């Protein structure tokens, strides 16, 4: 591992410090695996539309649209709690374990 690192470092910076201790500060791992099947348009059409209950209501800064820019109340939804057919009117935030998505105030989204 050290030899490969020093070769790469030398190509980039044209020198190495051979007696310097080497410390690994970070390791990154990527996993590619099959996910859950996505619903087909037919199953989405069959899903009964419903308006889910928000898990919280929070403040969210929105740019100007029909209303002036400023802080507005936004409903927070946990993605794992939703099922096909959910209809959410903005402003809203859809939260997962790793990301957040938002819907504009004028938007009406089907999740």
N, C-alpha and C. Protein backbone atom coordinates (compact mmCIF):
# COMPACT_ATOMS: atom_id res chain seq x y z
N UNK A 1 0.83 -1.17 0.00
CA UNK A 1 0.00 0.00 0.00
C UNK A 1 0.89 1.25 0.00
N UNK A 2 1.93 1.22 0.80
CA UNK A 2 2.82 2.39 0.87
C UNK A 2 3.48 2.65 -0.48
N UNK A 3 3.96 1.57 -1.15
CA UNK A 3 4.61 1.75 -2.45
C UNK A 3 3.66 2.40 -3.45
N UNK A 4 2.44 1.93 -3.50
CA UNK A 4 1.47 2.50 -4.43
C UNK A 4 1.19 3.96 -4.09
N UNK A 5 1.04 4.25 -2.80
CA UNK A 5 0.80 5.64 -2.39
C UNK A 5 1.98 6.53 -2.81
N UNK A 6 3.20 6.07 -2.55
CA UNK A 6 4.37 6.89 -2.90
C UNK A 6 4.49 7.10 -4.41
N UNK A 7 4.17 6.08 -5.20
CA UNK A 7 4.18 6.26 -6.67
C UNK A 7 3.17 7.33 -7.09
N UNK A 8 1.98 7.23 -6.56
CA UNK A 8 0.93 8.19 -6.88
C UNK A 8 1.30 9.59 -6.40
N UNK A 9 1.83 9.68 -5.20
CA UNK A 9 2.23 10.97 -4.64
C UNK A 9 3.35 11.60 -5.46
N UNK A 10 4.33 10.77 -5.87
CA UNK A 10 5.47 11.27 -6.66
C UNK A 10 4.97 11.80 -8.02
N UNK A 11 4.02 11.10 -8.65
CA UNK A 11 3.47 11.57 -9.92
C UNK A 11 2.80 12.93 -9.76
N UNK A 12 2.14 13.11 -8.64
CA UNK A 12 1.40 14.35 -8.44
C UNK A 12 2.28 15.51 -7.97
N UNK A 13 3.20 15.23 -7.02
CA UNK A 13 3.98 16.31 -6.42
C UNK A 13 5.48 16.27 -6.75
N UNK A 14 5.93 15.21 -7.44
CA UNK A 14 7.32 15.05 -7.88
C UNK A 14 8.33 14.82 -6.76
N UNK A 15 7.89 14.50 -5.57
CA UNK A 15 8.82 14.15 -4.50
C UNK A 15 8.07 13.30 -3.48
N UNK A 16 8.81 12.60 -2.62
CA UNK A 16 8.25 11.87 -1.48
C UNK A 16 9.17 12.08 -0.29
N UNK A 17 8.67 11.83 0.88
CA UNK A 17 9.46 11.88 2.12
C UNK A 17 9.51 10.44 2.62
N UNK A 18 10.58 9.70 2.27
CA UNK A 18 10.59 8.25 2.49
C UNK A 18 10.55 7.80 3.94
N UNK A 19 11.10 8.56 4.88
CA UNK A 19 11.15 8.10 6.27
C UNK A 19 9.98 8.61 7.10
N UNK A 20 9.02 9.24 6.46
CA UNK A 20 7.87 9.79 7.16
C UNK A 20 6.86 8.68 7.44
N UNK A 21 6.32 8.68 8.67
CA UNK A 21 5.29 7.69 9.01
C UNK A 21 4.03 7.96 8.18
N UNK A 22 3.34 6.91 7.82
CA UNK A 22 2.13 7.04 7.02
C UNK A 22 0.91 6.79 7.90
N UNK A 23 -0.07 7.69 7.84
CA UNK A 23 -1.28 7.54 8.64
C UNK A 23 -2.48 7.57 7.70
N UNK A 24 -3.36 6.60 7.84
CA UNK A 24 -4.60 6.57 7.05
C UNK A 24 -5.65 7.32 7.86
N UNK A 25 -6.11 8.45 7.32
CA UNK A 25 -7.06 9.30 8.04
C UNK A 25 -8.50 8.99 7.71
N UNK A 26 -8.78 8.48 6.53
CA UNK A 26 -10.16 8.22 6.14
C UNK A 26 -10.21 7.06 5.16
N UNK A 27 -11.28 6.32 5.22
CA UNK A 27 -11.51 5.22 4.30
C UNK A 27 -12.92 5.39 3.75
N UNK A 28 -13.07 5.21 2.47
CA UNK A 28 -14.37 5.34 1.83
C UNK A 28 -14.74 4.00 1.19
N UNK A 29 -15.98 3.61 1.35
CA UNK A 29 -16.46 2.34 0.80
C UNK A 29 -17.73 2.62 0.02
N UNK A 30 -17.85 2.03 -1.15
CA UNK A 30 -19.05 2.17 -1.96
C UNK A 30 -19.64 0.79 -2.17
N UNK A 31 -20.94 0.68 -1.98
CA UNK A 31 -21.62 -0.60 -2.16
C UNK A 31 -22.68 -0.43 -3.23
N UNK A 32 -22.68 -1.33 -4.19
CA UNK A 32 -23.70 -1.33 -5.22
C UNK A 32 -24.51 -2.61 -5.05
N UNK A 33 -25.80 -2.44 -4.78
CA UNK A 33 -26.65 -3.59 -4.53
C UNK A 33 -28.03 -3.32 -5.11
N UNK A 34 -28.76 -4.36 -5.43
CA UNK A 34 -30.11 -4.13 -5.96
C UNK A 34 -31.01 -3.52 -4.89
N UNK A 35 -31.88 -2.62 -5.31
CA UNK A 35 -32.81 -1.98 -4.39
C UNK A 35 -34.19 -2.58 -4.51
N UNK A 36 -35.12 -1.98 -3.85
CA UNK A 36 -36.50 -2.45 -3.92
C UNK A 36 -37.08 -2.14 -5.29
N UNK A 37 -38.02 -2.93 -5.73
CA UNK A 37 -38.67 -2.68 -7.00
C UNK A 37 -39.44 -1.37 -6.96
N UNK A 38 -39.31 -0.58 -8.00
CA UNK A 38 -40.07 0.66 -8.10
C UNK A 38 -41.48 0.34 -8.56
N UNK A 39 -42.44 1.09 -8.06
CA UNK A 39 -43.81 0.84 -8.51
C UNK A 39 -43.96 1.20 -9.99
N UNK A 40 -44.75 0.46 -10.70
CA UNK A 40 -45.02 0.74 -12.11
C UNK A 40 -46.11 1.79 -12.21
N UNK A 41 -46.23 2.45 -13.36
CA UNK A 41 -47.31 3.44 -13.51
C UNK A 41 -48.69 2.84 -13.24
N UNK A 42 -48.86 1.56 -13.59
CA UNK A 42 -50.17 0.92 -13.37
C UNK A 42 -50.47 0.82 -11.87
N UNK A 43 -49.47 0.42 -11.07
CA UNK A 43 -49.73 0.30 -9.63
C UNK A 43 -49.90 1.67 -9.00
N UNK A 44 -49.22 2.69 -9.53
CA UNK A 44 -49.41 4.04 -8.99
C UNK A 44 -50.82 4.53 -9.27
N UNK A 45 -51.34 4.23 -10.47
CA UNK A 45 -52.70 4.64 -10.81
C UNK A 45 -53.72 3.94 -9.91
N UNK A 46 -53.40 2.69 -9.55
CA UNK A 46 -54.31 1.92 -8.72
C UNK A 46 -54.25 2.34 -7.26
N UNK A 47 -53.14 2.96 -6.84
CA UNK A 47 -52.99 3.34 -5.44
C UNK A 47 -54.02 4.40 -5.09
N UNK A 48 -54.63 4.21 -3.95
CA UNK A 48 -55.63 5.18 -3.50
C UNK A 48 -54.92 6.44 -3.02
N UNK A 49 -55.28 7.57 -3.62
CA UNK A 49 -54.69 8.84 -3.21
C UNK A 49 -55.13 9.17 -1.79
N UNK A 50 -54.19 9.67 -0.99
CA UNK A 50 -54.51 10.07 0.37
C UNK A 50 -53.57 11.20 0.78
N UNK A 51 -53.99 11.97 1.77
CA UNK A 51 -53.15 13.03 2.32
C UNK A 51 -52.61 12.54 3.66
N UNK A 52 -51.30 12.26 3.73
CA UNK A 52 -50.74 11.72 4.97
C UNK A 52 -50.65 12.79 6.05
N UNK A 53 -50.58 12.34 7.28
CA UNK A 53 -50.39 13.26 8.41
C UNK A 53 -48.91 13.60 8.52
N UNK A 54 -48.59 14.85 8.73
CA UNK A 54 -47.20 15.29 8.88
C UNK A 54 -46.70 14.87 10.26
N UNK A 55 -45.39 14.58 10.35
CA UNK A 55 -44.83 14.21 11.66
C UNK A 55 -44.47 15.45 12.47
N UNK A 56 -44.32 16.60 11.80
CA UNK A 56 -44.02 17.86 12.50
C UNK A 56 -44.30 19.02 11.56
N UNK A 57 -44.33 20.20 12.13
CA UNK A 57 -44.42 21.41 11.33
C UNK A 57 -43.26 22.30 11.75
N UNK A 58 -42.48 22.77 10.77
CA UNK A 58 -41.28 23.55 11.05
C UNK A 58 -41.25 24.81 10.20
N UNK A 59 -40.33 25.70 10.51
CA UNK A 59 -40.16 26.92 9.70
C UNK A 59 -39.20 26.62 8.56
N UNK A 60 -39.53 27.13 7.37
CA UNK A 60 -38.68 26.95 6.19
C UNK A 60 -38.67 28.27 5.43
N UNK A 61 -37.47 28.71 5.00
CA UNK A 61 -37.37 29.95 4.24
C UNK A 61 -37.74 29.65 2.79
N UNK A 62 -38.67 30.40 2.24
CA UNK A 62 -39.13 30.21 0.87
C UNK A 62 -38.86 31.47 0.06
N UNK A 63 -38.46 31.29 -1.19
CA UNK A 63 -38.28 32.41 -2.09
C UNK A 63 -39.64 32.96 -2.50
N UNK A 64 -39.65 34.14 -3.10
CA UNK A 64 -40.91 34.78 -3.49
C UNK A 64 -41.61 33.97 -4.57
N UNK A 65 -42.91 33.87 -4.43
CA UNK A 65 -43.78 33.29 -5.46
C UNK A 65 -45.05 34.12 -5.41
N UNK A 66 -46.19 33.52 -5.16
CA UNK A 66 -47.42 34.30 -4.99
C UNK A 66 -47.35 35.14 -3.71
N UNK A 67 -46.50 34.71 -2.79
CA UNK A 67 -46.27 35.43 -1.54
C UNK A 67 -44.83 35.97 -1.55
N UNK A 68 -44.55 36.99 -0.75
CA UNK A 68 -43.18 37.49 -0.70
C UNK A 68 -42.24 36.47 -0.06
N UNK A 69 -40.94 36.59 -0.36
CA UNK A 69 -39.95 35.70 0.24
C UNK A 69 -39.99 35.84 1.76
N UNK A 70 -39.71 34.75 2.45
CA UNK A 70 -39.69 34.81 3.91
C UNK A 70 -39.91 33.44 4.52
N UNK A 71 -40.00 33.43 5.83
CA UNK A 71 -40.20 32.18 6.58
C UNK A 71 -41.66 31.78 6.52
N UNK A 72 -41.88 30.50 6.27
CA UNK A 72 -43.24 29.95 6.23
C UNK A 72 -43.26 28.64 7.00
N UNK A 73 -44.43 28.25 7.38
CA UNK A 73 -44.60 26.96 8.07
C UNK A 73 -44.59 25.86 7.00
N UNK A 74 -43.81 24.83 7.24
CA UNK A 74 -43.73 23.69 6.31
C UNK A 74 -43.98 22.41 7.10
N UNK A 75 -44.69 21.50 6.49
CA UNK A 75 -44.93 20.21 7.12
C UNK A 75 -43.78 19.26 6.80
N UNK A 76 -43.40 18.48 7.79
CA UNK A 76 -42.31 17.51 7.66
C UNK A 76 -42.91 16.11 7.59
N UNK A 77 -42.49 15.35 6.57
CA UNK A 77 -42.98 13.98 6.39
C UNK A 77 -41.79 13.03 6.40
N UNK A 78 -41.92 11.91 7.07
CA UNK A 78 -40.89 10.87 7.08
C UNK A 78 -41.20 9.91 5.93
N UNK A 79 -40.25 9.77 5.00
CA UNK A 79 -40.49 8.98 3.79
C UNK A 79 -40.92 7.54 4.10
N UNK A 80 -40.31 6.93 5.10
CA UNK A 80 -40.63 5.53 5.39
C UNK A 80 -42.06 5.35 5.90
N UNK A 81 -42.71 6.44 6.28
CA UNK A 81 -44.09 6.38 6.77
C UNK A 81 -45.10 6.49 5.63
N UNK A 82 -44.64 6.89 4.44
CA UNK A 82 -45.56 7.11 3.32
C UNK A 82 -45.76 5.84 2.51
N UNK A 83 -46.91 5.72 1.88
CA UNK A 83 -47.17 4.60 0.99
C UNK A 83 -47.57 5.18 -0.37
N UNK A 84 -47.55 4.39 -1.43
CA UNK A 84 -47.93 4.91 -2.75
C UNK A 84 -49.30 5.59 -2.69
N UNK A 85 -49.40 6.70 -3.40
CA UNK A 85 -50.65 7.44 -3.45
C UNK A 85 -50.65 8.68 -2.57
N UNK A 86 -49.59 8.89 -1.77
CA UNK A 86 -49.54 10.06 -0.89
C UNK A 86 -49.54 11.34 -1.72
N UNK A 87 -50.38 12.28 -1.36
CA UNK A 87 -50.44 13.59 -2.01
C UNK A 87 -50.07 14.63 -0.96
N UNK A 88 -49.01 15.39 -1.25
CA UNK A 88 -48.49 16.35 -0.29
C UNK A 88 -48.47 17.73 -0.93
N UNK A 89 -49.06 18.70 -0.26
CA UNK A 89 -49.08 20.07 -0.76
C UNK A 89 -48.01 20.88 -0.04
N UNK A 90 -47.24 21.67 -0.82
CA UNK A 90 -46.14 22.44 -0.26
C UNK A 90 -46.60 23.70 0.44
N UNK A 91 -45.72 24.33 1.20
CA UNK A 91 -44.34 23.91 1.39
C UNK A 91 -44.26 22.69 2.30
N UNK A 92 -43.39 21.76 1.91
CA UNK A 92 -43.24 20.53 2.68
C UNK A 92 -41.81 20.02 2.54
N UNK A 93 -41.39 19.23 3.52
CA UNK A 93 -40.07 18.60 3.51
C UNK A 93 -40.28 17.11 3.67
N UNK A 94 -39.66 16.35 2.78
CA UNK A 94 -39.72 14.89 2.84
C UNK A 94 -38.36 14.41 3.33
N UNK A 95 -38.32 13.76 4.46
CA UNK A 95 -37.06 13.36 5.09
C UNK A 95 -36.86 11.85 5.01
N UNK A 96 -35.62 11.45 4.66
CA UNK A 96 -35.20 10.05 4.75
C UNK A 96 -34.04 10.00 5.72
N UNK A 97 -33.48 8.83 5.93
CA UNK A 97 -32.35 8.70 6.85
C UNK A 97 -31.13 9.45 6.35
N UNK A 98 -31.01 9.65 5.03
CA UNK A 98 -29.79 10.24 4.49
C UNK A 98 -29.99 11.53 3.72
N UNK A 99 -31.20 11.96 3.48
CA UNK A 99 -31.40 13.18 2.70
C UNK A 99 -32.72 13.85 3.02
N UNK A 100 -32.84 15.09 2.56
CA UNK A 100 -34.08 15.85 2.71
C UNK A 100 -34.46 16.39 1.34
N UNK A 101 -35.73 16.34 1.01
CA UNK A 101 -36.24 16.92 -0.23
C UNK A 101 -37.33 17.89 0.17
N UNK A 102 -37.49 18.92 -0.61
CA UNK A 102 -38.52 19.90 -0.29
C UNK A 102 -39.43 20.12 -1.48
N UNK A 103 -40.62 20.60 -1.18
CA UNK A 103 -41.59 20.92 -2.21
C UNK A 103 -41.92 22.39 -2.06
N UNK A 104 -41.94 23.10 -3.17
CA UNK A 104 -42.20 24.54 -3.13
C UNK A 104 -43.61 24.82 -2.59
N UNK A 105 -43.82 26.04 -2.12
CA UNK A 105 -45.14 26.35 -1.55
C UNK A 105 -46.30 26.12 -2.50
N UNK A 106 -46.10 26.41 -3.79
CA UNK A 106 -47.19 26.24 -4.75
C UNK A 106 -47.29 24.80 -5.25
N UNK A 107 -46.31 23.98 -4.91
CA UNK A 107 -46.27 22.63 -5.46
C UNK A 107 -47.21 21.67 -4.78
N UNK A 108 -47.72 20.76 -5.56
CA UNK A 108 -48.49 19.65 -5.03
C UNK A 108 -47.83 18.41 -5.60
N UNK A 109 -47.29 17.55 -4.77
CA UNK A 109 -46.49 16.43 -5.24
C UNK A 109 -47.13 15.11 -4.85
N UNK A 110 -46.95 14.16 -5.73
CA UNK A 110 -47.33 12.78 -5.42
C UNK A 110 -46.04 12.05 -5.13
N UNK A 111 -45.95 11.41 -3.99
CA UNK A 111 -44.69 10.72 -3.61
C UNK A 111 -44.85 9.25 -3.80
